PDB file of N, CA and C in Angstrom:
ATOM      1  N   MET A   1      14.195  -7.035 -13.517  1.00  0.00           N
ATOM      2  CA  MET A   1      13.594  -6.908 -12.112  1.00  0.00           C
ATOM      3  C   MET A   1      12.277  -8.386 -11.983  1.00  0.00           C
ATOM      4  N   THR A   2      13.034  -8.879 -10.823  1.00  0.00           N
ATOM      5  CA  THR A   2      11.829 -10.201 -11.208  1.00  0.00           C
ATOM      6  C   THR A   2      10.746 -10.116 -10.417  1.00  0.00           C
ATOM      7  N   SER A   3       9.721 -11.013 -10.492  1.00  0.00           N
ATOM      8  CA  SER A   3       8.142 -10.898  -9.021  1.00  0.00           C
ATOM      9  C   SER A   3       8.721 -10.330  -7.487  1.00  0.00           C
ATOM     10  N   ASN A   4       9.711 -11.473  -7.428  1.00  0.00           N
ATOM     11  CA  ASN A   4      10.224 -11.162  -6.236  1.00  0.00           C
ATOM     12  C   ASN A   4      10.728  -9.765  -5.438  1.00  0.00           C
ATOM     13  N   ASP A   5      11.503  -9.061  -6.519  1.00  0.00           N
ATOM     14  CA  ASP A   5      12.585  -7.951  -6.630  1.00  0.00           C
ATOM     15  C   ASP A   5      11.352  -7.342  -5.959  1.00  0.00           C
ATOM     16  N   LEU A   6      10.025  -7.039  -7.276  1.00  0.00           N
ATOM     17  CA  LEU A   6       9.219  -6.505  -7.169  1.00  0.00           C
ATOM     18  C   LEU A   6       7.942  -5.918  -5.715  1.00  0.00           C
ATOM     19  N   PHE A   7       7.843  -7.042  -5.364  1.00  0.00           N
ATOM     20  CA  PHE A   7       7.378  -7.462  -3.754  1.00  0.00           C
ATOM     21  C   PHE A   7       8.075  -6.829  -3.049  1.00  0.00           C
ATOM     22  N   ASP A   8       9.574  -7.214  -2.844  1.00  0.00           N
ATOM     23  CA  ASP A   8      10.101  -6.221  -2.283  1.00  0.00           C
ATOM     24  C   ASP A   8      10.438  -5.532  -2.229  1.00  0.00           C
ATOM     25  N   GLU A   9      10.390  -4.698  -3.515  1.00  0.00           N
ATOM     26  CA  GLU A   9      10.468  -3.357  -3.375  1.00  0.00           C
ATOM     27  C   GLU A   9       8.924  -2.741  -2.979  1.00  0.00           C
ATOM     28  N   LEU A  10       8.077  -3.182  -2.911  1.00  0.00           N
ATOM     29  CA  LEU A  10       6.408  -2.329  -2.679  1.00  0.00           C
ATOM     30  C   LEU A  10       6.935  -2.986  -1.170  1.00  0.00           C
ATOM     31  N   LYS A  11       7.231  -3.882  -0.607  1.00  0.00           N
ATOM     32  CA  LYS A  11       7.327  -3.837   0.814  1.00  0.00           C
ATOM     33  C   LYS A  11       8.023  -2.995   2.216  1.00  0.00           C
ATOM     34  N   SER A  12       8.962  -3.031   1.070  1.00  0.00           N
ATOM     35  CA  SER A  12       9.996  -1.956   1.255  1.00  0.00           C
ATOM     36  C   SER A  12       9.700  -0.201   1.833  1.00  0.00           C
ATOM     37  N   LEU A  13       8.411   0.568   0.389  1.00  0.00           N
ATOM     38  CA  LEU A  13       8.288   0.969   0.252  1.00  0.00           C
ATOM     39  C   LEU A  13       7.086   1.482   1.241  1.00  0.00           C
ATOM     40  N   ILE A  14       6.698   0.196   1.950  1.00  0.00           N
ATOM     41  CA  ILE A  14       5.392   0.559   2.792  1.00  0.00           C
ATOM     42  C   ILE A  14       6.384   1.033   4.069  1.00  0.00           C
ATOM     43  N   PHE A  15       7.502   0.084   4.573  1.00  0.00           N
ATOM     44  CA  PHE A  15       8.079   0.348   5.719  1.00  0.00           C
ATOM     45  C   PHE A  15       8.934   1.836   5.515  1.00  0.00           C
ATOM     46  N   GLU A  16       9.099   1.816   4.702  1.00  0.00           N
ATOM     47  CA  GLU A  16      10.081   3.812   4.525  1.00  0.00           C
ATOM     48  C   GLU A  16       9.423   4.681   5.192  1.00  0.00           C
ATOM     49  N   THR A  17       7.622   4.218   4.253  1.00  0.00           N
ATOM     50  CA  THR A  17       7.002   5.399   4.614  1.00  0.00           C
ATOM     51  C   THR A  17       6.641   5.588   6.044  1.00  0.00           C
ATOM     52  N   ALA A  18       6.704   4.506   6.581  1.00  0.00           N
ATOM     53  CA  ALA A  18       6.090   4.615   8.349  1.00  0.00           C
ATOM     54  C   ALA A  18       7.265   5.318   8.831  1.00  0.00           C
ATOM     55  N   GLU A  19       8.761   4.668   8.637  1.00  0.00           N
ATOM     56  CA  GLU A  19       9.172   5.262   9.505  1.00  0.00           C
ATOM     57  C   GLU A  19       9.835   6.654   9.188  1.00  0.00           C
ATOM     58  N   GLN A  20       9.236   7.678   8.030  1.00  0.00           N
ATOM     59  CA  GLN A  20       9.445   9.070   7.993  1.00  0.00           C
ATOM     60  C   GLN A  20       7.975   9.683   8.203  1.00  0.00           C
ATOM     61  N   SER A  21       6.771   8.603   9.046  1.00  0.00           N
ATOM     62  CA  SER A  21       6.083   9.924   9.578  1.00  0.00           C
ATOM     63  C   SER A  21       5.463   9.228  10.954  1.00  0.00           C
ATOM     64  N   PRO A  22       6.309  10.491  12.240  1.00  0.00           N
ATOM     65  CA  PRO A  22       6.465   9.731  13.304  1.00  0.00           C
ATOM     66  C   PRO A  22       4.569   9.656  13.812  1.00  0.00           C
ATOM     67  N   LEU A  23       3.853  10.183  12.980  1.00  0.00           N
ATOM     68  CA  LEU A  23       2.371   9.240  13.009  1.00  0.00           C
ATOM     69  C   LEU A  23       1.821   8.160  13.144  1.00  0.00           C
ATOM     70  N   ILE A  24       2.589   7.401  11.986  1.00  0.00           N
ATOM     71  CA  ILE A  24       2.235   6.018  11.968  1.00  0.00           C
ATOM     72  C   ILE A  24       3.202   5.383  12.598  1.00  0.00           C
ATOM     73  N   GLY A  25       4.385   5.349  12.789  1.00  0.00           N
ATOM     74  CA  GLY A  25       5.143   4.340  14.397  1.00  0.00           C
ATOM     75  C   GLY A  25       5.429   3.020  13.983  1.00  0.00           C
ATOM     76  N   GLU A  26       5.896   2.480  14.702  1.00  0.00           N
ATOM     77  CA  GLU A  26       6.154   0.977  14.333  1.00  0.00           C
ATOM     78  C   GLU A  26       4.932   0.050  13.884  1.00  0.00           C
ATOM     79  N   LEU A  27       5.210  -0.703  12.887  1.00  0.00           N
ATOM     80  CA  LEU A  27       3.932  -1.637  11.823  1.00  0.00           C
ATOM     81  C   LEU A  27       4.433  -2.488  12.862  1.00  0.00           C
ATOM     82  N   GLU A  28       3.527  -3.514  11.996  1.00  0.00           N
ATOM     83  CA  GLU A  28       3.177  -5.134  12.748  1.00  0.00           C
ATOM     84  C   GLU A  28       2.581  -5.765  11.502  1.00  0.00           C
ATOM     85  N   GLU A  29       3.616  -6.468  11.612  1.00  0.00           N
ATOM     86  CA  GLU A  29       3.024  -7.451   9.805  1.00  0.00           C
ATOM     87  C   GLU A  29       2.398  -8.704  10.697  1.00  0.00           C
ATOM     88  N   SER A  30       1.669  -8.869   9.439  1.00  0.00           N
ATOM     89  CA  SER A  30       0.642 -10.108   9.799  1.00  0.00           C
ATOM     90  C   SER A  30       0.701 -11.068   8.410  1.00  0.00           C
ATOM     91  N   VAL A  31       0.151 -12.272   8.746  1.00  0.00           N
ATOM     92  CA  VAL A  31      -0.776 -12.360   7.265  1.00  0.00           C
ATOM     93  C   VAL A  31      -2.251 -13.054   6.861  1.00  0.00           C
ATOM     94  N   ARG A  32      -2.859 -11.841   6.666  1.00  0.00           N
ATOM     95  CA  ARG A  32      -4.099 -12.131   6.022  1.00  0.00           C
ATOM     96  C   ARG A  32      -4.085 -12.392   4.724  1.00  0.00           C
ATOM     97  N   TRP A  33      -5.621 -13.859   4.713  1.00  0.00           N
ATOM     98  CA  TRP A  33      -5.447 -14.767   3.288  1.00  0.00           C
ATOM     99  C   TRP A  33      -4.297 -15.397   2.731  1.00  0.00           C
ATOM    100  N   GLY A  34      -3.441 -15.537   3.606  1.00  0.00           N
ATOM    101  CA  GLY A  34      -2.767 -16.063   3.149  1.00  0.00           C
ATOM    102  C   GLY A  34      -1.426 -15.151   2.958  1.00  0.00           C
ATOM    103  N   GLU A  35      -0.945 -13.597   2.753  1.00  0.00           N
ATOM    104  CA  GLU A  35      -0.826 -12.343   1.787  1.00  0.00           C
ATOM    105  C   GLU A  35      -0.087 -11.916   3.109  1.00  0.00           C
ATOM    106  N   PRO A  36       1.056 -11.103   3.539  1.00  0.00           N
ATOM    107  CA  PRO A  36       2.105 -10.103   3.840  1.00  0.00           C
ATOM    108  C   PRO A  36       0.756  -9.219   4.243  1.00  0.00           C
ATOM    109  N   SER A  37       0.489  -8.138   5.279  1.00  0.00           N
ATOM    110  CA  SER A  37      -0.186  -7.713   6.092  1.00  0.00           C
ATOM    111  C   SER A  37       0.693  -6.630   6.644  1.00  0.00           C
ATOM    112  N   PHE A  38       0.262  -5.602   6.751  1.00  0.00           N
ATOM    113  CA  PHE A  38       1.049  -4.415   6.962  1.00  0.00           C
ATOM    114  C   PHE A  38       0.174  -3.168   8.191  1.00  0.00           C
ATOM    115  N   ALA A  39       0.080  -2.501   9.427  1.00  0.00           N
ATOM    116  CA  ALA A  39      -0.758  -2.124  10.241  1.00  0.00           C
ATOM    117  C   ALA A  39       0.261  -1.162  10.965  1.00  0.00           C
ATOM    118  N   PRO A  40      -0.378   0.121  11.279  1.00  0.00           N
ATOM    119  CA  PRO A  40       0.048   0.673  12.721  1.00  0.00           C
ATOM    120  C   PRO A  40       0.257  -0.382  14.123  1.00  0.00           C
ATOM    121  N   ARG A  41       1.458  -0.420  14.234  1.00  0.00           N
ATOM    122  CA  ARG A  41       0.791  -1.842  15.564  1.00  0.00           C
ATOM    123  C   ARG A  41       0.008  -0.886  16.651  1.00  0.00           C
ATOM    124  N   LYS A  42       0.292   0.414  16.639  1.00  0.00           N
ATOM    125  CA  LYS A  42      -0.669   1.369  18.084  1.00  0.00           C
ATOM    126  C   LYS A  42      -2.129   1.342  17.141  1.00  0.00           C
ATOM    127  N   ARG A  43      -2.919   1.196  17.744  1.00  0.00           N
ATOM    128  CA  ARG A  43      -4.243   0.891  17.449  1.00  0.00           C
ATOM    129  C   ARG A  43      -4.903   2.418  17.030  1.00  0.00           C
ATOM    130  N   ASN A  44      -6.235   2.324  16.349  1.00  0.00           N
ATOM    131  CA  ASN A  44      -6.424   3.470  16.085  1.00  0.00           C
ATOM    132  C   ASN A  44      -5.945   4.315  15.424  1.00  0.00           C
ATOM    133  N   VAL A  45      -4.828   4.170  14.490  1.00  0.00           N
ATOM    134  CA  VAL A  45      -4.333   4.974  13.528  1.00  0.00           C
ATOM    135  C   VAL A  45      -4.633   4.950  12.231  1.00  0.00           C
ATOM    136  N   GLY A  46      -4.450   3.395  11.646  1.00  0.00           N
ATOM    137  CA  GLY A  46      -4.843   3.417  10.209  1.00  0.00           C
ATOM    138  C   GLY A  46      -5.075   1.962   9.741  1.00  0.00           C
ATOM    139  N   SER A  47      -5.118   2.245   8.146  1.00  0.00           N
ATOM    140  CA  SER A  47      -5.374   0.635   7.960  1.00  0.00           C
ATOM    141  C   SER A  47      -4.614   0.374   7.666  1.00  0.00           C
ATOM    142  N   SER A  48      -4.859  -1.167   7.220  1.00  0.00           N
ATOM    143  CA  SER A  48      -3.699  -2.340   6.835  1.00  0.00           C
ATOM    144  C   SER A  48      -3.492  -1.839   5.254  1.00  0.00           C
ATOM    145  N   VAL A  49      -2.238  -2.449   4.883  1.00  0.00           N
ATOM    146  CA  VAL A  49      -2.059  -2.723   3.154  1.00  0.00           C
ATOM    147  C   VAL A  49      -1.496  -3.840   3.437  1.00  0.00           C
ATOM    148  N   ARG A  50      -1.955  -4.295   2.799  1.00  0.00           N
ATOM    149  CA  ARG A  50      -1.543  -6.131   2.071  1.00  0.00           C
ATOM    150  C   ARG A  50      -0.733  -6.416   0.563  1.00  0.00           C
ATOM    151  N   LEU A  51       0.177  -6.991   0.878  1.00  0.00           N
ATOM    152  CA  LEU A  51       0.662  -6.872  -0.736  1.00  0.00           C
ATOM    153  C   LEU A  51       0.234  -8.146  -0.806  1.00  0.00           C
ATOM    154  N   ALA A  52      -0.025  -8.841  -2.672  1.00  0.00           N
ATOM    155  CA  ALA A  52      -0.680 -10.040  -3.138  1.00  0.00           C
ATOM    156  C   ALA A  52       0.310 -10.054  -4.842  1.00  0.00           C
ATOM    157  N   ARG A  53       0.603 -11.169  -4.422  1.00  0.00           N
ATOM    158  CA  ARG A  53       1.286 -12.017  -5.614  1.00  0.00           C
ATOM    159  C   ARG A  53       0.681 -11.328  -6.864  1.00  0.00           C
ATOM    160  N   ARG A  54       1.047 -11.654  -8.070  1.00  0.00           N
ATOM    161  CA  ARG A  54       0.112 -11.888  -9.331  1.00  0.00           C
ATOM    162  C   ARG A  54       1.521 -12.434 -10.684  1.00  0.00           C
ATOM    163  N   ASP A  55       0.671 -12.490 -11.161  1.00  0.00           N
ATOM    164  CA  ASP A  55       1.270 -13.280 -12.403  1.00  0.00           C
ATOM    165  C   ASP A  55       1.919 -12.373 -13.132  1.00  0.00           C
ATOM    166  N   ASP A  56       3.473 -12.336 -12.282  1.00  0.00           N
ATOM    167  CA  ASP A  56       4.246 -10.904 -13.312  1.00  0.00           C
ATOM    168  C   ASP A  56       4.253  -9.962 -12.669  1.00  0.00           C
ATOM    169  N   ALA A  57       3.512  -8.916 -11.832  1.00  0.00           N
ATOM    170  CA  ALA A  57       2.852  -8.139 -11.025  1.00  0.00           C
ATOM    171  C   ALA A  57       2.914  -8.580  -9.617  1.00  0.00           C
ATOM    172  N   ALA A  58       2.082  -7.337  -8.642  1.00  0.00           N
ATOM    173  CA  ALA A  58       1.881  -7.159  -7.186  1.00  0.00           C
ATOM    174  C   ALA A  58       0.941  -6.590  -7.542  1.00  0.00           C
ATOM    175  N   ALA A  59       0.435  -6.756  -6.474  1.00  0.00           N
ATOM    176  CA  ALA A  59      -0.881  -5.871  -5.473  1.00  0.00           C
ATOM    177  C   ALA A  59      -0.990  -5.227  -4.502  1.00  0.00           C
ATOM    178  N   MET A  60      -0.678  -3.890  -4.698  1.00  0.00           N
ATOM    179  CA  MET A  60      -1.297  -3.684  -2.935  1.00  0.00           C
ATOM    180  C   MET A  60      -2.463  -3.148  -2.561  1.00  0.00           C
ATOM    181  N   MET A  61      -2.491  -3.823  -1.942  1.00  0.00           N
ATOM    182  CA  MET A  61      -4.330  -3.943  -1.623  1.00  0.00           C
ATOM    183  C   MET A  61      -4.710  -2.733  -0.588  1.00  0.00           C
ATOM    184  N   PHE A  62      -5.874  -1.953   0.053  1.00  0.00           N
ATOM    185  CA  PHE A  62      -6.036  -1.489   0.467  1.00  0.00           C
ATOM    186  C   PHE A  62      -8.049  -2.299   0.695  1.00  0.00           C
ATOM    187  N   ILE A  63      -7.963  -2.027   2.320  1.00  0.00           N
ATOM    188  CA  ILE A  63      -9.253  -2.351   2.837  1.00  0.00           C
ATOM    189  C   ILE A  63     -10.564  -0.927   1.830  1.00  0.00           C
ATOM    190  N   CYS A  64     -11.029  -2.387   1.287  1.00  0.00           N
ATOM    191  CA  CYS A  64     -12.196  -1.230   0.155  1.00  0.00           C
ATOM    192  C   CYS A  64     -13.157  -0.691   0.527  1.00  0.00           C
ATOM    193  N   THR A  65     -13.783  -0.855   1.815  1.00  0.00           N
ATOM    194  CA  THR A  65     -14.727  -0.232   2.501  1.00  0.00           C
ATOM    195  C   THR A  65     -13.774   1.081   2.560  1.00  0.00           C
ATOM    196  N   THR A  66     -13.036   1.680   2.980  1.00  0.00           N
ATOM    197  CA  THR A  66     -12.021   2.758   3.262  1.00  0.00           C
ATOM    198  C   THR A  66     -12.061   3.734   2.139  1.00  0.00           C
ATOM    199  N   ARG A  67     -12.863   3.839   1.285  1.00  0.00           N
ATOM    200  CA  ARG A  67     -12.800   4.370  -0.157  1.00  0.00           C
ATOM    201  C   ARG A  67     -11.650   5.225  -0.392  1.00  0.00           C
ATOM    202  N   LEU A  68     -10.248   4.766   0.005  1.00  0.00           N
ATOM    203  CA  LEU A  68      -8.953   4.948  -0.398  1.00  0.00           C
ATOM    204  C   LEU A  68      -8.148   4.582  -1.628  1.00  0.00           C
ATOM    205  N   VAL A  69      -8.979   3.852  -2.740  1.00  0.00           N
ATOM    206  CA  VAL A  69      -7.919   3.237  -4.346  1.00  0.00           C
ATOM    207  C   VAL A  69      -9.038   4.418  -4.419  1.00  0.00           C
ATOM    208  N   ASP A  70     -10.664   4.834  -3.727  1.00  0.00           N
ATOM    209  CA  ASP A  70     -11.387   5.923  -5.103  1.00  0.00           C
ATOM    210  C   ASP A  70     -10.280   7.284  -4.318  1.00  0.00           C
ATOM    211  N   ARG A  71     -10.181   7.322  -3.204  1.00  0.00           N
ATOM    212  CA  ARG A  71      -9.347   8.932  -3.645  1.00  0.00           C
ATOM    213  C   ARG A  71      -7.779   8.921  -4.351  1.00  0.00           C
ATOM    214  N   PHE A  72      -7.146   7.600  -4.164  1.00  0.00           N
ATOM    215  CA  PHE A  72      -6.139   7.376  -5.352  1.00  0.00           C
ATOM    216  C   PHE A  72      -6.646   7.769  -6.383  1.00  0.00           C
ATOM    217  N   ARG A  73      -7.493   7.435  -7.065  1.00  0.00           N
ATOM    218  CA  ARG A  73      -7.373   7.464  -7.994  1.00  0.00           C
ATOM    219  C   ARG A  73      -8.001   8.958  -8.346  1.00  0.00           C
ATOM    220  N   GLU A  74      -8.263   9.287  -7.738  1.00  0.00           N
ATOM    221  CA  GLU A  74      -8.809  11.273  -7.581  1.00  0.00           C
ATOM    222  C   GLU A  74      -7.409  11.859  -7.521  1.00  0.00           C
ATOM    223  N   LEU A  75      -6.935  11.689  -7.115  1.00  0.00           N
ATOM    224  CA  LEU A  75      -5.311  12.282  -6.538  1.00  0.00           C
ATOM    225  C   LEU A  75      -4.316  12.030  -7.688  1.00  0.00           C
ATOM    226  N   TYR A  76      -4.639  10.884  -8.176  1.00  0.00           N
ATOM    227  CA  TYR A  76      -3.374  10.248  -9.297  1.00  0.00           C
ATOM    228  C   TYR A  76      -3.843   9.379 -10.799  1.00  0.00           C
ATOM    229  N   PRO A  77      -4.785  10.190 -11.471  1.00  0.00           N
ATOM    230  CA  PRO A  77      -5.667   9.324 -12.067  1.00  0.00           C
ATOM    231  C   PRO A  77      -4.711   8.618 -13.543  1.00  0.00           C
ATOM    232  N   ASN A  78      -3.375   9.340 -13.271  1.00  0.00           N
ATOM    233  CA  ASN A  78      -2.773   8.726 -14.516  1.00  0.00           C
ATOM    234  C   ASN A  78      -1.484   7.807 -14.395  1.00  0.00           C
ATOM    235  N   ASN A  79      -1.139   7.725 -12.550  1.00  0.00           N
ATOM    236  CA  ASN A  79      -0.132   6.984 -12.481  1.00  0.00           C
ATOM    237  C   ASN A  79       0.062   5.779 -11.250  1.00  0.00           C
ATOM    238  N   PHE A  80      -1.375   5.350 -12.101  1.00  0.00           N
ATOM    239  CA  PHE A  80      -0.991   3.577 -11.412  1.00  0.00           C
ATOM    240  C   PHE A  80      -2.304   3.049 -11.950  1.00  0.00           C
ATOM    241  N   VAL A  81      -2.286   1.420 -12.385  1.00  0.00           N
ATOM    242  CA  VAL A  81      -3.293   0.843 -12.200  1.00  0.00           C
ATOM    243  C   VAL A  81      -4.187   0.597 -11.215  1.00  0.00           C
ATOM    244  N   PHE A  82      -5.349   0.657 -11.460  1.00  0.00           N
ATOM    245  CA  PHE A  82      -6.129   0.392 -10.555  1.00  0.00           C
ATOM    246  C   PHE A  82      -7.303  -0.614 -10.632  1.00  0.00           C
ATOM    247  N   GLU A  83      -7.125  -1.520  -9.931  1.00  0.00           N
ATOM    248  CA  GLU A  83      -8.428  -2.707  -9.700  1.00  0.00           C
ATOM    249  C   GLU A  83      -9.279  -2.498  -8.760  1.00  0.00           C
ATOM    250  N   GLY A  84     -10.453  -2.465  -8.928  1.00  0.00           N
ATOM    251  CA  GLY A  84     -11.753  -1.751  -8.647  1.00  0.00           C
ATOM    252  C   GLY A  84     -11.355  -0.512  -7.599  1.00  0.00           C
ATOM    253  N   SER A  85     -11.884  -1.051  -6.657  1.00  0.00           N
ATOM    254  CA  SER A  85     -12.163   0.042  -5.019  1.00  0.00           C
ATOM    255  C   SER A  85     -10.404  -1.124  -4.054  1.00  0.00           C
ATOM    256  N   ARG A  86     -10.065  -1.501  -4.432  1.00  0.00           N
ATOM    257  CA  ARG A  86      -9.753  -2.490  -3.928  1.00  0.00           C
ATOM    258  C   ARG A  86      -7.618  -2.306  -3.437  1.00  0.00           C
ATOM    259  N   ALA A  87      -7.336  -1.878  -4.913  1.00  0.00           N
ATOM    260  CA  ALA A  87      -6.048  -2.610  -4.961  1.00  0.00           C
ATOM    261  C   ALA A  87      -5.749  -1.175  -5.874  1.00  0.00           C
ATOM    262  N   LEU A  88      -3.853  -1.238  -6.132  1.00  0.00           N
ATOM    263  CA  LEU A  88      -2.972  -0.696  -7.416  1.00  0.00           C
ATOM    264  C   LEU A  88      -2.414  -1.954  -7.710  1.00  0.00           C
ATOM    265  N   VAL A  89      -1.819  -1.572  -8.883  1.00  0.00           N
ATOM    266  CA  VAL A  89      -1.028  -3.440  -9.631  1.00  0.00           C
ATOM    267  C   VAL A  89      -0.694  -2.508 -10.216  1.00  0.00           C
ATOM    268  N   PHE A  90       0.939  -2.751  -9.444  1.00  0.00           N
ATOM    269  CA  PHE A  90       2.127  -2.756 -10.116  1.00  0.00           C
ATOM    270  C   PHE A  90       2.658  -4.371 -10.785  1.00  0.00           C
ATOM    271  N   GLU A  91       2.894  -3.632 -12.245  1.00  0.00           N
ATOM    272  CA  GLU A  91       3.370  -5.196 -13.328  1.00  0.00           C
ATOM    273  C   GLU A  91       5.191  -4.877 -13.202  1.00  0.00           C
ATOM    274  N   ASN A  92       5.931  -6.046 -13.474  1.00  0.00           N
ATOM    275  CA  ASN A  92       7.411  -6.026 -13.199  1.00  0.00           C
ATOM    276  C   ASN A  92       7.837  -5.153 -14.387  1.00  0.00           C
ATOM    277  N   GLY A  93       9.125  -5.195 -14.018  1.00  0.00           N
ATOM    278  CA  GLY A  93       9.641  -4.158 -15.137  1.00  0.00           C
ATOM    279  C   GLY A  93       9.413  -2.528 -15.091  1.00  0.00           C
ATOM    280  N   LYS A  94       8.116  -2.796 -14.658  1.00  0.00           N
ATOM    281  CA  LYS A  94       7.608  -1.158 -15.178  1.00  0.00           C
ATOM    282  C   LYS A  94       8.218   0.100 -13.607  1.00  0.00           C
ATOM    283  N   THR A  95       7.922   0.892 -13.905  1.00  0.00           N
ATOM    284  CA  THR A  95       8.586   2.117 -13.199  1.00  0.00           C
ATOM    285  C   THR A  95       7.503   2.407 -12.337  1.00  0.00           C
ATOM    286  N   ILE A  96       7.818   2.278 -11.089  1.00  0.00           N
ATOM    287  CA  ILE A  96       7.243   2.408  -9.856  1.00  0.00           C
ATOM    288  C   ILE A  96       7.253   4.187  -9.285  1.00  0.00           C
ATOM    289  N   PRO A  97       5.732   4.585  -9.568  1.00  0.00           N
ATOM    290  CA  PRO A  97       5.698   5.991  -9.332  1.00  0.00           C
ATOM    291  C   PRO A  97       5.782   6.309  -7.326  1.00  0.00           C
ATOM    292  N   THR A  98       7.289   5.933  -7.262  1.00  0.00           N
ATOM    293  CA  THR A  98       7.388   6.568  -5.709  1.00  0.00           C
ATOM    294  C   THR A  98       6.794   6.957  -4.968  1.00  0.00           C
ATOM    295  N   GLU A  99       6.748   8.852  -5.409  1.00  0.00           N
ATOM    296  CA  GLU A  99       6.748   9.570  -4.467  1.00  0.00           C
ATOM    297  C   GLU A  99       5.675   9.765  -4.282  1.00  0.00           C
ATOM    298  N   GLN A 100       4.148   9.402  -5.210  1.00  0.00           N
ATOM    299  CA  GLN A 100       2.763   9.226  -5.012  1.00  0.00           C
ATOM    300  C   GLN A 100       2.298   8.315  -4.139  1.00  0.00           C
ATOM    301  N   LEU A 101       3.351   6.478  -4.374  1.00  0.00           N
ATOM    302  CA  LEU A 101       3.314   5.639  -3.946  1.00  0.00           C
ATOM    303  C   LEU A 101       3.269   5.765  -2.345  1.00  0.00           C
ATOM    304  N   LYS A 102       4.303   6.425  -1.934  1.00  0.00           N
ATOM    305  CA  LYS A 102       4.583   6.860  -0.798  1.00  0.00           C
ATOM    306  C   LYS A 102       3.411   7.818   0.064  1.00  0.00           C
ATOM    307  N   HIS A 103       3.101   8.671  -0.530  1.00  0.00           N
ATOM    308  CA  HIS A 103       1.592   8.975  -0.085  1.00  0.00           C
ATOM    309  C   HIS A 103       0.603   8.516  -0.099  1.00  0.00           C
ATOM    310  N   CYS A 104       0.093   7.905  -0.936  1.00  0.00           N
ATOM    311  CA  CYS A 104      -0.975   6.898  -0.530  1.00  0.00           C
ATOM    312  C   CYS A 104      -1.073   5.726   0.719  1.00  0.00           C
ATOM    313  N   ILE A 105       0.508   5.471   0.796  1.00  0.00           N
ATOM    314  CA  ILE A 105       0.129   4.231   1.524  1.00  0.00           C
ATOM    315  C   ILE A 105       0.352   5.548   2.972  1.00  0.00           C
ATOM    316  N   ALA A 106       0.859   6.348   3.170  1.00  0.00           N
ATOM    317  CA  ALA A 106       0.913   7.322   4.353  1.00  0.00           C
ATOM    318  C   ALA A 106      -0.588   7.114   4.495  1.00  0.00           C
ATOM    319  N   MET A 107      -1.184   7.601   3.156  1.00  0.00           N
ATOM    320  CA  MET A 107      -3.070   8.407   3.787  1.00  0.00           C
ATOM    321  C   MET A 107      -3.729   6.889   3.519  1.00  0.00           C
ATOM    322  N   ALA A 108      -3.385   5.973   4.220  1.00  0.00           N
ATOM    323  CA  ALA A 108      -3.876   4.274   4.354  1.00  0.00           C
ATOM    324  C   ALA A 108      -3.543   4.031   5.538  1.00  0.00           C
ATOM    325  N   LEU A 109      -1.994   4.485   5.844  1.00  0.00           N
ATOM    326  CA  LEU A 109      -1.682   4.332   7.498  1.00  0.00           C
ATOM    327  C   LEU A 109      -1.971   4.921   8.760  1.00  0.00           C
ATOM    328  N   THR A 110      -2.596   6.526   7.687  1.00  0.00           N
ATOM    329  CA  THR A 110      -2.787   7.312   9.363  1.00  0.00           C
ATOM    330  C   THR A 110      -4.558   7.426   8.804  1.00  0.00           C
ATOM    331  N   TYR A 111      -5.281   6.842   8.219  1.00  0.00           N
ATOM    332  CA  TYR A 111      -6.656   6.869   8.238  1.00  0.00           C
ATOM    333  C   TYR A 111      -7.410   7.167   8.800  1.00  0.00           C
ATOM    334  N   LYS A 112      -7.286   6.376  10.450  1.00  0.00           N
ATOM    335  CA  LYS A 112      -8.252   6.807  10.892  1.00  0.00           C
ATOM    336  C   LYS A 112      -8.230   8.296  11.878  1.00  0.00           C
ATOM    337  N   LEU A 113      -6.870   9.046  11.420  1.00  0.00           N
ATOM    338  CA  LEU A 113      -6.153   9.851  12.176  1.00  0.00           C
ATOM    339  C   LEU A 113      -7.196  11.029  11.511  1.00  0.00           C
ATOM    340  N   LYS A 114      -7.584  11.149  10.551  1.00  0.00           N
ATOM    341  CA  LYS A 114      -8.344  11.783   9.653  1.00  0.00           C
ATOM    342  C   LYS A 114      -9.380  11.458   9.479  1.00  0.00           C
ATOM    343  N   ASN A 115     -10.446  10.279  10.432  1.00  0.00           N
ATOM    344  CA  ASN A 115     -11.655  10.427  10.131  1.00  0.00           C
ATOM    345  C   ASN A 115     -12.802  10.449  11.319  1.00  0.00           C
TER     346      ASN A 115
END
């Protein structure tokens, strides 16, 4: 798997998660800080999820003030590589814990509904 394949797989998981949850609805894709960002088109539903390319890796970024990554760390301490309170990092060639990641994505994309 190339870095582009990894990036595309993460992007697909974001859209797949949104499609599987009627609460999220359609996603709006934009560019933030030069990177693709995804958020529910409907306002006041959730927080954005951004993808960042890294050397032979990709990061799924979350707004750090949401404390989402801290919650992911509590739920899945051994499933992800964490980067502070901001990101989950995925290395090229390593297995993505798909179901756990989709749960994390859903938590972000519905964040405002739960607070």
